[in-house]
Amino acid sequence: MTSQIPFAIDFHVHSDESYDGHEPIELILEHAADIGLDGVVITDHDEIGESLRAAELAPEYGLVGIPGVEVSTRHGHLLAIGVEQRPDPGQPFMKTVGTVRELDGVAIVPHPFQRSRHGVHKRHIKDADAIETYNSMVFTGYRNRRARTFARRRAYPEIGASDAHYLPNVGKAYTEILVSPDTANPTKADIDGDDLVDAILEGRTQIRGKRTPIHKSTVQYAKGAVRKSTYLLTSRTPLVPTVPASMDRSR
């Protein structure tokens, strides 16, 4: 039986391409390598350019390259992991999940049920590939416990991530993925993003890390709120487009 190789990946990190991000991808990649991660996925809000560039640069830092994006669906945010094209924002949640799969990616629900952070309500999570059951940016453990209970009752694979917008928060929480390579005597260099995606879908994940200190979370939220307000004032497209309940056919 082929032995499993553990990979430490932070699947939810924002760069300065996000309206509320701060760090260039080069610093994020360098920091991820320094703290012992095997990879980091840049998931900027509705932007994928820097994530694609980060995935291309990752091997220079000894990391596996995986692109991604945090998509603003009509019903909340969705992480599209392993895609090379951004799904259109503002679409119904399930339609976006379908698009992610068509792009050979994994659809992960981040910080579910947290409406202040555009988390998807449970009534809309009828299907997904995985649930982020540990987000290091929560103030208390209640939201993570609720997400974990939801995922386990429905047999969803579980993901842990930092949701970092500042460099020191990268890797506070991450996912250890157990990859079973097909080759004999494999090394980490033989593993690519597709192998990791397959391992997630098969549920070979373990959550590692801890919550970001509350004072750091507070700073990130406060500055993010200011940047979000500025973004909304200068952008014609809302972060989560909405429609009247009577017109929402996806309910």
C-alpha atoms as a PDB file:
ATOM      1  CA  MET A   1       0.000   0.000   0.000  1.00  0.00           C
ATOM      2  CA  THR A   2       1.345   3.406  -0.974  1.00  0.00           C
ATOM      3  CA  SER A   3       2.139   5.560   2.035  1.00  0.00           C
ATOM      4  CA  GLN A   4       0.385   8.884   2.428  1.00  0.00           C
ATOM      5  CA  ILE A   5       2.295  12.155   2.246  1.00  0.00           C
ATOM      6  CA  PRO A   6       1.009  15.037   4.411  1.00  0.00           C
ATOM      7  CA  PHE A   7       0.762  18.496   2.846  1.00  0.00           C
ATOM      8  CA  ALA A   8       0.151  21.639   4.904  1.00  0.00           C
ATOM      9  CA  ILE A   9      -1.939  24.110   2.878  1.00  0.00           C
ATOM     10  CA  ASP A  10      -3.582  27.397   3.853  1.00  0.00           C
ATOM     11  CA  PHE A  11      -6.500  27.597   1.424  1.00  0.00           C
ATOM     12  CA  HIS A  12      -7.860  31.048   2.266  1.00  0.00           C
ATOM     13  CA  VAL A  13      -5.446  33.996   2.064  1.00  0.00           C
ATOM     14  CA  HIS A  14      -5.922  37.491   0.640  1.00  0.00           C
ATOM     15  CA  SER A  15      -3.304  39.558  -1.157  1.00  0.00           C
ATOM     16  CA  ASP A  16      -3.272  43.255  -1.974  1.00  0.00           C
ATOM     17  CA  GLU A  17      -5.434  42.503  -5.013  1.00  0.00           C
ATOM     18  CA  SER A  18      -8.393  42.131  -2.638  1.00  0.00           C
ATOM     19  CA  TYR A  19     -10.131  45.380  -1.724  1.00  0.00           C
ATOM     20  CA  ASP A  20      -9.362  44.553   1.921  1.00  0.00           C
ATOM     21  CA  GLY A  21      -5.984  42.831   1.452  1.00  0.00           C
ATOM     22  CA  HIS A  22      -2.593  44.296   2.217  1.00  0.00           C
ATOM     23  CA  GLU A  23       0.315  42.061   1.201  1.00  0.00           C
ATOM     24  CA  PRO A  24       2.011  41.378  -2.150  1.00  0.00           C
ATOM     25  CA  ILE A  25       2.080  37.743  -3.155  1.00  0.00           C
ATOM     26  CA  GLU A  26       5.870  37.530  -3.029  1.00  0.00           C
ATOM     27  CA  LEU A  27       5.860  38.287   0.704  1.00  0.00           C
ATOM     28  CA  ILE A  28       3.021  35.839   1.305  1.00  0.00           C
ATOM     29  CA  LEU A  29       4.833  33.047  -0.525  1.00  0.00           C
ATOM     30  CA  GLU A  30       8.093  33.759   1.287  1.00  0.00           C
ATOM     31  CA  HIS A  31       6.349  33.800   4.658  1.00  0.00           C
ATOM     32  CA  ALA A  32       4.452  30.586   3.899  1.00  0.00           C
ATOM     33  CA  ALA A  33       7.715  28.823   3.097  1.00  0.00           C
ATOM     34  CA  ASP A  34       9.414  30.248   6.197  1.00  0.00           C
ATOM     35  CA  ILE A  35       6.736  28.911   8.558  1.00  0.00           C
ATOM     36  CA  GLY A  36       6.763  25.445   7.017  1.00  0.00           C
ATOM     37  CA  LEU A  37       3.654  25.420   4.853  1.00  0.00           C
ATOM     38  CA  ASP A  38       3.705  23.378   1.667  1.00  0.00           C
ATOM     39  CA  GLY A  39       1.392  25.751  -0.140  1.00  0.00           C
ATOM     40  CA  VAL A  40      -0.894  28.739   0.158  1.00  0.00           C
ATOM     41  CA  VAL A  41      -3.890  29.620  -2.014  1.00  0.00           C
ATOM     42  CA  ILE A  42      -4.482  33.292  -2.765  1.00  0.00           C
ATOM     43  CA  THR A  43      -8.256  33.741  -2.718  1.00  0.00           C
ATOM     44  CA  ASP A  44      -8.875  37.411  -3.416  1.00  0.00           C
ATOM     45  CA  HIS A  45     -12.409  38.774  -3.598  1.00  0.00           C
ATOM     46  CA  ASP A  46     -13.644  38.319  -7.179  1.00  0.00           C
ATOM     47  CA  GLU A  47     -10.113  38.775  -8.545  1.00  0.00           C
ATOM     48  CA  ILE A  48      -7.849  35.956  -9.736  1.00  0.00           C
ATOM     49  CA  GLY A  49      -4.910  37.655 -11.448  1.00  0.00           C
ATOM     50  CA  GLU A  50      -2.521  37.661  -8.494  1.00  0.00           C
ATOM     51  CA  SER A  51      -3.571  34.155  -7.509  1.00  0.00           C
ATOM     52  CA  LEU A  52      -2.616  32.848 -10.932  1.00  0.00           C
ATOM     53  CA  ARG A  53       0.707  34.622 -10.658  1.00  0.00           C
ATOM     54  CA  ALA A  54       1.257  33.241  -7.150  1.00  0.00           C
ATOM     55  CA  ALA A  55       0.573  29.696  -8.347  1.00  0.00           C
ATOM     56  CA  GLU A  56       3.126  30.171 -11.100  1.00  0.00           C
ATOM     57  CA  LEU A  57       5.753  31.568  -8.718  1.00  0.00           C
ATOM     58  CA  ALA A  58       5.121  29.068  -5.900  1.00  0.00           C
ATOM     59  CA  PRO A  59       7.700  26.442  -6.996  1.00  0.00           C
ATOM     60  CA  GLU A  60      10.441  29.085  -6.745  1.00  0.00           C
ATOM     61  CA  TYR A  61       9.676  29.180  -3.005  1.00  0.00           C
ATOM     62  CA  GLY A  62       9.482  25.408  -2.673  1.00  0.00           C
ATOM     63  CA  LEU A  63       5.682  25.478  -2.560  1.00  0.00           C
ATOM     64  CA  VAL A  64       2.989  23.749  -4.578  1.00  0.00           C
ATOM     65  CA  GLY A  65       1.078  26.210  -6.741  1.00  0.00           C
ATOM     66  CA  ILE A  66      -2.722  26.254  -6.499  1.00  0.00           C
ATOM     67  CA  PRO A  67      -4.797  29.156  -7.846  1.00  0.00           C
ATOM     68  CA  GLY A  68      -8.148  30.193  -6.423  1.00  0.00           C
ATOM     69  CA  VAL A  69     -10.612  33.010  -5.843  1.00  0.00           C
ATOM     70  CA  GLU A  70     -13.281  33.960  -3.303  1.00  0.00           C
ATOM     71  CA  VAL A  71     -16.424  34.463  -5.359  1.00  0.00           C
ATOM     72  CA  SER A  72     -19.298  36.694  -4.256  1.00  0.00           C
ATOM     73  CA  THR A  73     -22.339  34.586  -5.122  1.00  0.00           C
ATOM     74  CA  ARG A  74     -25.905  35.858  -4.776  1.00  0.00           C
ATOM     75  CA  HIS A  75     -26.183  33.989  -1.478  1.00  0.00           C
ATOM     76  CA  GLY A  76     -22.741  34.530   0.021  1.00  0.00           C
ATOM     77  CA  HIS A  77     -19.072  33.826  -0.514  1.00  0.00           C
ATOM     78  CA  LEU A  78     -17.623  30.683  -2.070  1.00  0.00           C
ATOM     79  CA  LEU A  79     -13.989  29.596  -2.397  1.00  0.00           C
ATOM     80  CA  ALA A  80     -13.177  28.290  -5.871  1.00  0.00           C
ATOM     81  CA  ILE A  81      -9.960  26.305  -5.428  1.00  0.00           C
ATOM     82  CA  GLY A  82      -7.877  24.970  -8.308  1.00  0.00           C
ATOM     83  CA  VAL A  83      -9.513  27.110 -11.000  1.00  0.00           C
ATOM     84  CA  GLU A  84      -7.687  29.212 -13.554  1.00  0.00           C
ATOM     85  CA  GLN A  85     -10.679  31.358 -14.422  1.00  0.00           C
ATOM     86  CA  ARG A  86     -12.873  33.438 -12.127  1.00  0.00           C
ATOM     87  CA  PRO A  87     -16.548  32.408 -12.042  1.00  0.00           C
ATOM     88  CA  ASP A  88     -18.859  35.360 -12.584  1.00  0.00           C
ATOM     89  CA  PRO A  89     -19.862  37.019  -9.297  1.00  0.00           C
ATOM     90  CA  GLY A  90     -23.505  37.629  -8.437  1.00  0.00           C
ATOM     91  CA  GLN A  91     -24.788  34.247  -9.615  1.00  0.00           C
ATOM     92  CA  PRO A  92     -26.872  31.893  -7.423  1.00  0.00           C
ATOM     93  CA  PHE A  93     -24.799  29.782  -5.063  1.00  0.00           C
ATOM     94  CA  MET A  94     -25.521  26.429  -6.723  1.00  0.00           C
ATOM     95  CA  LYS A  95     -24.920  27.775 -10.204  1.00  0.00           C
ATOM     96  CA  THR A  96     -21.513  29.013  -9.045  1.00  0.00           C
ATOM     97  CA  VAL A  97     -20.720  25.617  -7.518  1.00  0.00           C
ATOM     98  CA  GLY A  98     -21.501  24.052 -10.889  1.00  0.00           C
ATOM     99  CA  THR A  99     -19.245  26.537 -12.663  1.00  0.00           C
ATOM    100  CA  VAL A 100     -16.370  25.769 -10.289  1.00  0.00           C
ATOM    101  CA  ARG A 101     -16.695  22.081 -11.058  1.00  0.00           C
ATOM    102  CA  GLU A 102     -16.831  22.745 -14.787  1.00  0.00           C
ATOM    103  CA  LEU A 103     -13.507  24.546 -14.326  1.00  0.00           C
ATOM    104  CA  ASP A 104     -12.105  21.419 -12.609  1.00  0.00           C
ATOM    105  CA  GLY A 105     -12.003  23.143  -9.241  1.00  0.00           C
ATOM    106  CA  VAL A 106     -13.261  22.468  -5.735  1.00  0.00           C
ATOM    107  CA  ALA A 107     -16.114  24.513  -4.256  1.00  0.00           C
ATOM    108  CA  ILE A 108     -15.508  25.215  -0.561  1.00  0.00           C
ATOM    109  CA  VAL A 109     -17.932  27.167   1.633  1.00  0.00           C
ATOM    110  CA  PRO A 110     -15.954  29.640   3.809  1.00  0.00           C
ATOM    111  CA  HIS A 111     -17.148  30.894   7.222  1.00  0.00           C
ATOM    112  CA  PRO A 112     -20.685  29.533   6.665  1.00  0.00           C
ATOM    113  CA  PHE A 113     -23.694  31.114   8.375  1.00  0.00           C
ATOM    114  CA  GLN A 114     -21.753  34.278   9.325  1.00  0.00           C
ATOM    115  CA  ARG A 115     -23.918  36.851   7.614  1.00  0.00           C
ATOM    116  CA  SER A 116     -21.702  39.770   8.676  1.00  0.00           C
ATOM    117  CA  ARG A 117     -18.986  38.163   6.550  1.00  0.00           C
ATOM    118  CA  HIS A 118     -21.270  37.138   3.678  1.00  0.00           C
ATOM    119  CA  GLY A 119     -21.406  33.534   4.844  1.00  0.00           C
ATOM    120  CA  VAL A 120     -23.858  31.293   3.001  1.00  0.00           C
ATOM    121  CA  HIS A 121     -26.993  30.384   4.967  1.00  0.00           C
ATOM    122  CA  LYS A 122     -27.469  26.659   5.538  1.00  0.00           C
ATOM    123  CA  ARG A 123     -30.666  26.565   3.468  1.00  0.00           C
ATOM    124  CA  HIS A 124     -28.596  27.343   0.367  1.00  0.00           C
ATOM    125  CA  ILE A 125     -25.851  24.786   1.033  1.00  0.00           C
ATOM    126  CA  LYS A 126     -27.547  21.866  -0.659  1.00  0.00           C
ATOM    127  CA  ASP A 127     -24.342  20.752  -2.310  1.00  0.00           C
ATOM    128  CA  ALA A 128     -20.664  21.710  -2.128  1.00  0.00           C
ATOM    129  CA  ASP A 129     -17.345  19.929  -2.165  1.00  0.00           C
ATOM    130  CA  ALA A 130     -16.127  20.898   1.308  1.00  0.00           C
ATOM    131  CA  ILE A 131     -16.886  23.175   4.248  1.00  0.00           C
ATOM    132  CA  GLU A 132     -14.447  25.524   5.963  1.00  0.00           C
ATOM    133  CA  THR A 133     -15.090  24.315   9.518  1.00  0.00           C
ATOM    134  CA  TYR A 134     -12.173  26.173  11.067  1.00  0.00           C
ATOM    135  CA  ASN A 135     -11.584  29.803  10.189  1.00  0.00           C
ATOM    136  CA  SER A 136      -8.902  31.403  12.355  1.00  0.00           C
ATOM    137  CA  MET A 137     -10.500  34.868  12.173  1.00  0.00           C
ATOM    138  CA  VAL A 138     -13.592  34.110  14.261  1.00  0.00           C
ATOM    139  CA  PHE A 139     -13.836  35.863  17.648  1.00  0.00           C
ATOM    140  CA  THR A 140     -15.165  32.813  19.480  1.00  0.00           C
ATOM    141  CA  GLY A 141     -15.288  29.119  18.726  1.00  0.00           C
ATOM    142  CA  TYR A 142     -19.075  29.015  18.328  1.00  0.00           C
ATOM    143  CA  ARG A 143     -19.176  29.653  14.572  1.00  0.00           C
ATOM    144  CA  ASN A 144     -16.494  27.059  13.891  1.00  0.00           C
ATOM    145  CA  ARG A 145     -18.272  24.486  16.048  1.00  0.00           C
ATOM    146  CA  ARG A 146     -21.534  25.139  14.244  1.00  0.00           C
ATOM    147  CA  ALA A 147     -19.835  24.740  10.851  1.00  0.00           C
ATOM    148  CA  ARG A 148     -18.151  21.520  12.012  1.00  0.00           C
ATOM    149  CA  THR A 149     -21.442  20.048  13.229  1.00  0.00           C
ATOM    150  CA  PHE A 150     -23.121  20.949   9.933  1.00  0.00           C
ATOM    151  CA  ALA A 151     -20.315  19.378   7.881  1.00  0.00           C
ATOM    152  CA  ARG A 152     -20.114  16.152   9.868  1.00  0.00           C
ATOM    153  CA  ARG A 153     -23.851  15.547   9.845  1.00  0.00           C
ATOM    154  CA  ARG A 154     -23.763  15.757   6.049  1.00  0.00           C
ATOM    155  CA  ALA A 155     -20.379  14.045   5.526  1.00  0.00           C
ATOM    156  CA  TYR A 156     -18.681  17.059   3.932  1.00  0.00           C
ATOM    157  CA  PRO A 157     -14.856  17.131   3.891  1.00  0.00           C
ATOM    158  CA  GLU A 158     -13.539  19.707   6.368  1.00  0.00           C
ATOM    159  CA  ILE A 159     -11.076  22.515   5.686  1.00  0.00           C
ATOM    160  CA  GLY A 160      -9.152  24.795   8.043  1.00  0.00           C
ATOM    161  CA  ALA A 161      -7.720  28.132   6.900  1.00  0.00           C
ATOM    162  CA  SER A 162      -6.442  31.462   8.165  1.00  0.00           C
ATOM    163  CA  ASP A 163      -8.534  33.892   6.078  1.00  0.00           C
ATOM    164  CA  ALA A 164      -5.502  36.142   6.492  1.00  0.00           C
ATOM    165  CA  HIS A 165      -5.425  39.685   5.147  1.00  0.00           C
ATOM    166  CA  TYR A 166      -2.154  40.533   6.921  1.00  0.00           C
ATOM    167  CA  LEU A 167       1.123  38.659   6.627  1.00  0.00           C
ATOM    168  CA  PRO A 168       1.512  37.579  10.302  1.00  0.00           C
ATOM    169  CA  ASN A 169      -1.875  35.842  10.182  1.00  0.00           C
ATOM    170  CA  VAL A 170      -0.986  33.560   7.250  1.00  0.00           C
ATOM    171  CA  GLY A 171      -0.910  29.952   8.399  1.00  0.00           C
ATOM    172  CA  LYS A 172      -2.547  30.557  11.787  1.00  0.00           C
ATOM    173  CA  ALA A 173      -4.876  27.768  10.707  1.00  0.00           C
ATOM    174  CA  TYR A 174      -4.356  25.420   7.779  1.00  0.00           C
ATOM    175  CA  THR A 175      -5.324  22.033   6.390  1.00  0.00           C
ATOM    176  CA  GLU A 176      -3.132  18.961   6.440  1.00  0.00           C
ATOM    177  CA  ILE A 177      -3.981  16.915   3.366  1.00  0.00           C
ATOM    178  CA  LEU A 178      -2.962  13.273   3.139  1.00  0.00           C
ATOM    179  CA  VAL A 179      -2.013  12.532  -0.455  1.00  0.00           C
ATOM    180  CA  SER A 180      -1.691   8.967  -1.745  1.00  0.00           C
ATOM    181  CA  PRO A 181       0.520   9.153  -4.854  1.00  0.00           C
ATOM    182  CA  ASP A 182       0.291   6.536  -7.583  1.00  0.00           C
ATOM    183  CA  THR A 183       4.058   6.364  -8.072  1.00  0.00           C
ATOM    184  CA  ALA A 184       6.464   4.241  -6.062  1.00  0.00           C
ATOM    185  CA  ASN A 185       8.663   6.026  -3.511  1.00  0.00           C
ATOM    186  CA  PRO A 186       7.179   9.469  -4.249  1.00  0.00           C
ATOM    187  CA  THR A 187       8.406  12.763  -2.859  1.00  0.00           C
ATOM    188  CA  LYS A 188       6.545  16.028  -2.341  1.00  0.00           C
ATOM    189  CA  ALA A 189       8.034  17.287  -5.580  1.00  0.00           C
ATOM    190  CA  ASP A 190       5.970  14.658  -7.406  1.00  0.00           C
ATOM    191  CA  ILE A 191       2.684  16.093  -6.113  1.00  0.00           C
ATOM    192  CA  ASP A 192       0.710  18.773  -7.933  1.00  0.00           C
ATOM    193  CA  GLY A 193      -2.463  20.744  -7.309  1.00  0.00           C
ATOM    194  CA  ASP A 194      -4.663  18.087  -8.938  1.00  0.00           C
ATOM    195  CA  ASP A 195      -3.463  15.474  -6.431  1.00  0.00           C
ATOM    196  CA  LEU A 196      -4.391  17.807  -3.579  1.00  0.00           C
ATOM    197  CA  VAL A 197      -7.806  18.523  -5.043  1.00  0.00           C
ATOM    198  CA  ASP A 198      -8.501  14.791  -5.336  1.00  0.00           C
ATOM    199  CA  ALA A 199      -7.463  14.267  -1.714  1.00  0.00           C
ATOM    200  CA  ILE A 200      -9.889  16.992  -0.551  1.00  0.00           C
ATOM    201  CA  LEU A 201     -12.780  15.427  -2.450  1.00  0.00           C
ATOM    202  CA  GLU A 202     -11.992  12.093  -0.797  1.00  0.00           C
ATOM    203  CA  GLY A 203     -12.035  13.735   2.639  1.00  0.00           C
ATOM    204  CA  ARG A 204      -8.385  13.067   3.497  1.00  0.00           C
ATOM    205  CA  THR A 205      -8.034  16.290   5.478  1.00  0.00           C
ATOM    206  CA  GLN A 206      -7.077  17.234   9.013  1.00  0.00           C
ATOM    207  CA  ILE A 207      -7.359  20.722  10.514  1.00  0.00           C
ATOM    208  CA  ARG A 208      -4.330  22.261  12.189  1.00  0.00           C
ATOM    209  CA  GLY A 209      -3.512  25.579  13.856  1.00  0.00           C
ATOM    210  CA  LYS A 210      -5.371  27.967  16.128  1.00  0.00           C
ATOM    211  CA  ARG A 211      -7.476  31.113  16.150  1.00  0.00           C
ATOM    212  CA  THR A 212      -5.868  34.440  15.363  1.00  0.00           C
ATOM    213  CA  PRO A 213      -5.581  36.542  18.565  1.00  0.00           C
ATOM    214  CA  ILE A 214      -8.732  38.629  19.071  1.00  0.00           C
ATOM    215  CA  HIS A 215      -6.928  41.964  18.969  1.00  0.00           C
ATOM    216  CA  LYS A 216      -5.462  41.081  15.567  1.00  0.00           C
ATOM    217  CA  SER A 217      -8.829  39.879  14.282  1.00  0.00           C
ATOM    218  CA  THR A 218     -10.397  43.138  15.457  1.00  0.00           C
ATOM    219  CA  VAL A 219      -7.827  45.207  13.573  1.00  0.00           C
ATOM    220  CA  GLN A 220      -8.375  43.170  10.414  1.00  0.00           C
ATOM    221  CA  TYR A 221     -12.159  43.492  10.634  1.00  0.00           C
ATOM    222  CA  ALA A 222     -12.070  47.222  11.366  1.00  0.00           C
ATOM    223  CA  LYS A 223      -9.718  48.084   8.520  1.00  0.00           C
ATOM    224  CA  GLY A 224     -11.533  45.693   6.218  1.00  0.00           C
ATOM    225  CA  ALA A 225     -14.848  47.404   6.949  1.00  0.00           C
ATOM    226  CA  VAL A 226     -13.390  50.789   6.017  1.00  0.00           C
ATOM    227  CA  ARG A 227     -11.935  49.427   2.794  1.00  0.00           C
ATOM    228  CA  LYS A 228     -15.188  47.650   1.967  1.00  0.00           C
ATOM    229  CA  SER A 229     -17.142  50.884   2.393  1.00  0.00           C
ATOM    230  CA  THR A 230     -14.726  52.712   0.118  1.00  0.00           C
ATOM    231  CA  TYR A 231     -14.920  49.908  -2.433  1.00  0.00           C
ATOM    232  CA  LEU A 232     -18.722  49.978  -2.473  1.00  0.00           C
ATOM    233  CA  LEU A 233     -18.778  53.745  -2.895  1.00  0.00           C
ATOM    234  CA  THR A 234     -16.435  53.614  -5.885  1.00  0.00           C
ATOM    235  CA  SER A 235     -17.699  50.419  -7.510  1.00  0.00           C
ATOM    236  CA  ARG A 236     -20.933  49.950  -9.403  1.00  0.00           C
ATOM    237  CA  THR A 237     -20.991  46.223  -8.619  1.00  0.00           C
ATOM    238  CA  PRO A 238     -21.988  45.191  -5.069  1.00  0.00           C
ATOM    239  CA  LEU A 239     -19.900  42.534  -3.347  1.00  0.00           C
ATOM    240  CA  VAL A 240     -22.926  40.243  -3.049  1.00  0.00           C
ATOM    241  CA  PRO A 241     -25.566  41.264  -5.601  1.00  0.00           C
ATOM    242  CA  THR A 242     -29.074  40.765  -4.291  1.00  0.00           C
ATOM    243  CA  VAL A 243     -32.512  40.408  -5.814  1.00  0.00           C
ATOM    244  CA  PRO A 244     -35.947  40.744  -4.245  1.00  0.00           C
ATOM    245  CA  ALA A 245     -37.047  37.543  -2.500  1.00  0.00           C
ATOM    246  CA  SER A 246     -39.993  37.227  -4.894  1.00  0.00           C
ATOM    247  CA  MET A 247     -37.592  37.035  -7.849  1.00  0.00           C
ATOM    248  CA  ASP A 248     -35.068  34.640  -6.286  1.00  0.00           C
ATOM    249  CA  ARG A 249     -35.832  31.330  -8.047  1.00  0.00           C
ATOM    250  CA  SER A 250     -33.061  29.418  -6.239  1.00  0.00           C
ATOM    251  CA  ARG A 251     -34.843  29.293  -2.861  1.00  0.00           C
END
